[in-house]
Amino acid sequence: MTTNLDVVQELYRCFKEKNYAAFKKICDKNIIWNQNPGFPSGSSYAGADQVIDNVFKSFDKNWNNWKFTIDKYHDAGDAVIVTGVYQGEYNKTGKAFISEAAHVYELKNGKVLSFQQYADSKVIWDAMG
């Protein structure tokens, strides 16, 4: 039996390996993906295709070595909270950053319904400036 924690771990594997077909399979067709308003490209995106195009592929275009290193998974039943650290280097400035973050996922029937990001965006904007 697949748990919600298993699904979220698979999501991070999909992101890391750029396996967008597998990502779509674990997302609800109406997934809502909320990035911090102050985060670069921060907005709400509806549907897996918007997430792939406006979030995942955006990191590849604008950043060198963008990654999210997971510190801990917190299983909260119908939600999974992931804490960790963003790291990357902005292409245009060559400046690097480290930013602590938390991700909150809501799941139902083995599908990701929503994502909410909480991150220190100031250090990211400093790297861009």
C-alpha atoms as a PDB file:
ATOM      1  CA  MET A   1       0.000   0.000   0.000  1.00  0.00           C
ATOM      2  CA  THR A   2       1.327   3.431  -0.984  1.00  0.00           C
ATOM      3  CA  THR A   3       1.241   6.042   1.790  1.00  0.00           C
ATOM      4  CA  ASN A   4       1.007   9.809   1.422  1.00  0.00           C
ATOM      5  CA  LEU A   5       4.636   9.985   2.515  1.00  0.00           C
ATOM      6  CA  ASP A   6       5.573   7.598  -0.328  1.00  0.00           C
ATOM      7  CA  VAL A   7       3.750   9.845  -2.820  1.00  0.00           C
ATOM      8  CA  VAL A   8       5.573  12.987  -1.673  1.00  0.00           C
ATOM      9  CA  GLN A   9       8.933  11.204  -1.750  1.00  0.00           C
ATOM     10  CA  GLU A  10       8.119  10.144  -5.320  1.00  0.00           C
ATOM     11  CA  LEU A  11       7.308  13.779  -6.185  1.00  0.00           C
ATOM     12  CA  TYR A  12      10.809  14.875  -5.152  1.00  0.00           C
ATOM     13  CA  ARG A  13      12.322  12.025  -7.158  1.00  0.00           C
ATOM     14  CA  CYS A  14      10.325  13.151 -10.206  1.00  0.00           C
ATOM     15  CA  PHE A  15      11.526  16.739  -9.791  1.00  0.00           C
ATOM     16  CA  LYS A  16      15.159  15.723  -9.350  1.00  0.00           C
ATOM     17  CA  GLU A  17      15.090  13.397 -12.382  1.00  0.00           C
ATOM     18  CA  LYS A  18      12.891  15.756 -14.459  1.00  0.00           C
ATOM     19  CA  ASN A  19      10.406  12.907 -14.910  1.00  0.00           C
ATOM     20  CA  TYR A  20       7.407  15.068 -15.683  1.00  0.00           C
ATOM     21  CA  ALA A  21       5.218  12.185 -16.908  1.00  0.00           C
ATOM     22  CA  ALA A  22       5.555  10.461 -13.531  1.00  0.00           C
ATOM     23  CA  PHE A  23       4.926  13.785 -11.750  1.00  0.00           C
ATOM     24  CA  LYS A  24       1.615  14.162 -13.607  1.00  0.00           C
ATOM     25  CA  LYS A  25       0.536  10.669 -12.528  1.00  0.00           C
ATOM     26  CA  ILE A  26       0.807  11.468  -8.815  1.00  0.00           C
ATOM     27  CA  CYS A  27      -0.926  14.860  -9.049  1.00  0.00           C
ATOM     28  CA  ASP A  28      -4.648  15.462  -8.958  1.00  0.00           C
ATOM     29  CA  LYS A  29      -5.751  16.899 -12.309  1.00  0.00           C
ATOM     30  CA  ASN A  30      -6.741  20.116 -10.491  1.00  0.00           C
ATOM     31  CA  ILE A  31      -3.621  20.447  -8.333  1.00  0.00           C
ATOM     32  CA  ILE A  32      -3.046  23.935  -6.904  1.00  0.00           C
ATOM     33  CA  TRP A  33       0.618  24.878  -6.480  1.00  0.00           C
ATOM     34  CA  ASN A  34       1.221  27.976  -4.323  1.00  0.00           C
ATOM     35  CA  GLN A  35       4.659  29.540  -4.315  1.00  0.00           C
ATOM     36  CA  ASN A  36       5.408  32.377  -1.883  1.00  0.00           C
ATOM     37  CA  PRO A  37       4.248  35.677  -3.404  1.00  0.00           C
ATOM     38  CA  GLY A  38       7.732  37.086  -2.708  1.00  0.00           C
ATOM     39  CA  PHE A  39       9.486  34.100  -4.254  1.00  0.00           C
ATOM     40  CA  PRO A  40      10.888  34.487  -7.808  1.00  0.00           C
ATOM     41  CA  SER A  41       8.001  33.477 -10.112  1.00  0.00           C
ATOM     42  CA  GLY A  42       5.898  33.267  -6.965  1.00  0.00           C
ATOM     43  CA  SER A  43       2.270  32.732  -7.777  1.00  0.00           C
ATOM     44  CA  SER A  44      -0.488  30.130  -7.746  1.00  0.00           C
ATOM     45  CA  TYR A  45      -0.537  27.600 -10.559  1.00  0.00           C
ATOM     46  CA  ALA A  46      -3.392  25.255 -11.436  1.00  0.00           C
ATOM     47  CA  GLY A  47      -2.732  21.891 -13.046  1.00  0.00           C
ATOM     48  CA  ALA A  48       0.448  19.847 -13.393  1.00  0.00           C
ATOM     49  CA  ASP A  49       1.377  21.352 -16.780  1.00  0.00           C
ATOM     50  CA  GLN A  50       1.457  24.870 -15.307  1.00  0.00           C
ATOM     51  CA  VAL A  51       3.613  23.646 -12.430  1.00  0.00           C
ATOM     52  CA  ILE A  52       6.060  21.973 -14.815  1.00  0.00           C
ATOM     53  CA  ASP A  53       6.287  24.972 -17.165  1.00  0.00           C
ATOM     54  CA  ASN A  54       6.231  27.841 -14.647  1.00  0.00           C
ATOM     55  CA  VAL A  55       8.034  26.298 -11.694  1.00  0.00           C
ATOM     56  CA  PHE A  56      10.220  23.311 -12.517  1.00  0.00           C
ATOM     57  CA  LYS A  57      11.476  24.445 -15.928  1.00  0.00           C
ATOM     58  CA  SER A  58      11.922  28.022 -14.675  1.00  0.00           C
ATOM     59  CA  PHE A  59      14.534  26.852 -12.185  1.00  0.00           C
ATOM     60  CA  ASP A  60      16.493  25.169 -14.998  1.00  0.00           C
ATOM     61  CA  LYS A  61      16.465  28.332 -17.134  1.00  0.00           C
ATOM     62  CA  ASN A  62      17.530  30.841 -14.491  1.00  0.00           C
ATOM     63  CA  TRP A  63      19.659  28.977 -11.968  1.00  0.00           C
ATOM     64  CA  ASN A  64      22.789  26.848 -11.842  1.00  0.00           C
ATOM     65  CA  ASN A  65      22.674  23.890  -9.473  1.00  0.00           C
ATOM     66  CA  TRP A  66      19.203  24.718  -8.118  1.00  0.00           C
ATOM     67  CA  LYS A  67      18.238  22.116  -5.545  1.00  0.00           C
ATOM     68  CA  PHE A  68      16.140  21.494  -2.496  1.00  0.00           C
ATOM     69  CA  THR A  69      17.862  19.372   0.133  1.00  0.00           C
ATOM     70  CA  ILE A  70      15.373  17.648   2.402  1.00  0.00           C
ATOM     71  CA  ASP A  71      16.012  17.771   6.116  1.00  0.00           C
ATOM     72  CA  LYS A  72      12.910  15.944   7.316  1.00  0.00           C
ATOM     73  CA  TYR A  73       9.528  14.606   6.265  1.00  0.00           C
ATOM     74  CA  HIS A  74       6.633  15.131   8.688  1.00  0.00           C
ATOM     75  CA  ASP A  75       3.714  12.761   8.089  1.00  0.00           C
ATOM     76  CA  ALA A  76       0.496  14.469   9.206  1.00  0.00           C
ATOM     77  CA  GLY A  77      -2.125  12.094   7.806  1.00  0.00           C
ATOM     78  CA  ASP A  78      -3.769  13.817   4.827  1.00  0.00           C
ATOM     79  CA  ALA A  79      -0.870  16.272   4.750  1.00  0.00           C
ATOM     80  CA  VAL A  80       2.884  15.879   4.501  1.00  0.00           C
ATOM     81  CA  ILE A  81       5.225  18.676   5.572  1.00  0.00           C
ATOM     82  CA  VAL A  82       8.762  18.729   4.251  1.00  0.00           C
ATOM     83  CA  THR A  83      11.470  20.930   5.714  1.00  0.00           C
ATOM     84  CA  GLY A  84      14.765  21.613   4.032  1.00  0.00           C
ATOM     85  CA  VAL A  85      17.055  24.056   2.284  1.00  0.00           C
ATOM     86  CA  TYR A  86      17.047  25.616  -1.187  1.00  0.00           C
ATOM     87  CA  GLN A  87      20.424  26.262  -2.778  1.00  0.00           C
ATOM     88  CA  GLY A  88      21.463  27.615  -6.128  1.00  0.00           C
ATOM     89  CA  GLU A  89      23.449  30.139  -8.103  1.00  0.00           C
ATOM     90  CA  TYR A  90      21.730  32.759 -10.225  1.00  0.00           C
ATOM     91  CA  ASN A  91      22.881  32.590 -13.866  1.00  0.00           C
ATOM     92  CA  LYS A  92      23.113  36.346 -14.465  1.00  0.00           C
ATOM     93  CA  THR A  93      25.043  37.308 -11.310  1.00  0.00           C
ATOM     94  CA  GLY A  94      26.911  34.140 -10.363  1.00  0.00           C
ATOM     95  CA  LYS A  95      25.815  34.735  -6.753  1.00  0.00           C
ATOM     96  CA  ALA A  96      24.805  31.761  -4.613  1.00  0.00           C
ATOM     97  CA  PHE A  97      22.267  31.511  -1.810  1.00  0.00           C
ATOM     98  CA  ILE A  98      20.983  29.152   0.874  1.00  0.00           C
ATOM     99  CA  SER A  99      17.368  29.507   2.047  1.00  0.00           C
ATOM    100  CA  GLU A 100      15.488  27.452   4.613  1.00  0.00           C
ATOM    101  CA  ALA A 101      12.024  26.369   3.515  1.00  0.00           C
ATOM    102  CA  ALA A 102       8.974  24.294   4.342  1.00  0.00           C
ATOM    103  CA  HIS A 103       6.598  22.642   1.890  1.00  0.00           C
ATOM    104  CA  VAL A 104       3.082  21.569   2.847  1.00  0.00           C
ATOM    105  CA  TYR A 105       1.303  19.010   0.661  1.00  0.00           C
ATOM    106  CA  GLU A 106      -2.343  18.000   0.910  1.00  0.00           C
ATOM    107  CA  LEU A 107      -3.194  14.576  -0.497  1.00  0.00           C
ATOM    108  CA  LYS A 108      -6.252  12.452  -1.147  1.00  0.00           C
ATOM    109  CA  ASN A 109      -6.553   8.968  -2.616  1.00  0.00           C
ATOM    110  CA  GLY A 110      -2.836   8.821  -3.368  1.00  0.00           C
ATOM    111  CA  LYS A 111      -2.780  12.109  -5.324  1.00  0.00           C
ATOM    112  CA  VAL A 112      -1.259  15.484  -4.482  1.00  0.00           C
ATOM    113  CA  LEU A 113      -4.093  18.038  -4.260  1.00  0.00           C
ATOM    114  CA  SER A 114      -2.064  21.081  -3.281  1.00  0.00           C
ATOM    115  CA  PHE A 115       1.340  22.489  -2.428  1.00  0.00           C
ATOM    116  CA  GLN A 116       2.095  25.499  -0.227  1.00  0.00           C
ATOM    117  CA  GLN A 117       5.605  26.909  -0.008  1.00  0.00           C
ATOM    118  CA  TYR A 118       7.126  28.878   2.858  1.00  0.00           C
ATOM    119  CA  ALA A 119      10.641  30.170   2.193  1.00  0.00           C
ATOM    120  CA  ASP A 120      13.058  32.942   3.068  1.00  0.00           C
ATOM    121  CA  SER A 121      12.984  34.721  -0.284  1.00  0.00           C
ATOM    122  CA  LYS A 122      15.188  37.700   0.661  1.00  0.00           C
ATOM    123  CA  VAL A 123      18.413  35.729   0.321  1.00  0.00           C
ATOM    124  CA  ILE A 124      17.267  34.491  -3.094  1.00  0.00           C
ATOM    125  CA  TRP A 125      16.540  38.042  -4.301  1.00  0.00           C
ATOM    126  CA  ASP A 126      19.920  39.135  -2.925  1.00  0.00           C
ATOM    127  CA  ALA A 127      21.584  36.503  -5.145  1.00  0.00           C
ATOM    128  CA  MET A 128      19.638  37.853  -8.123  1.00  0.00           C
ATOM    129  CA  GLY A 129      20.649  41.469  -7.487  1.00  0.00           C
END
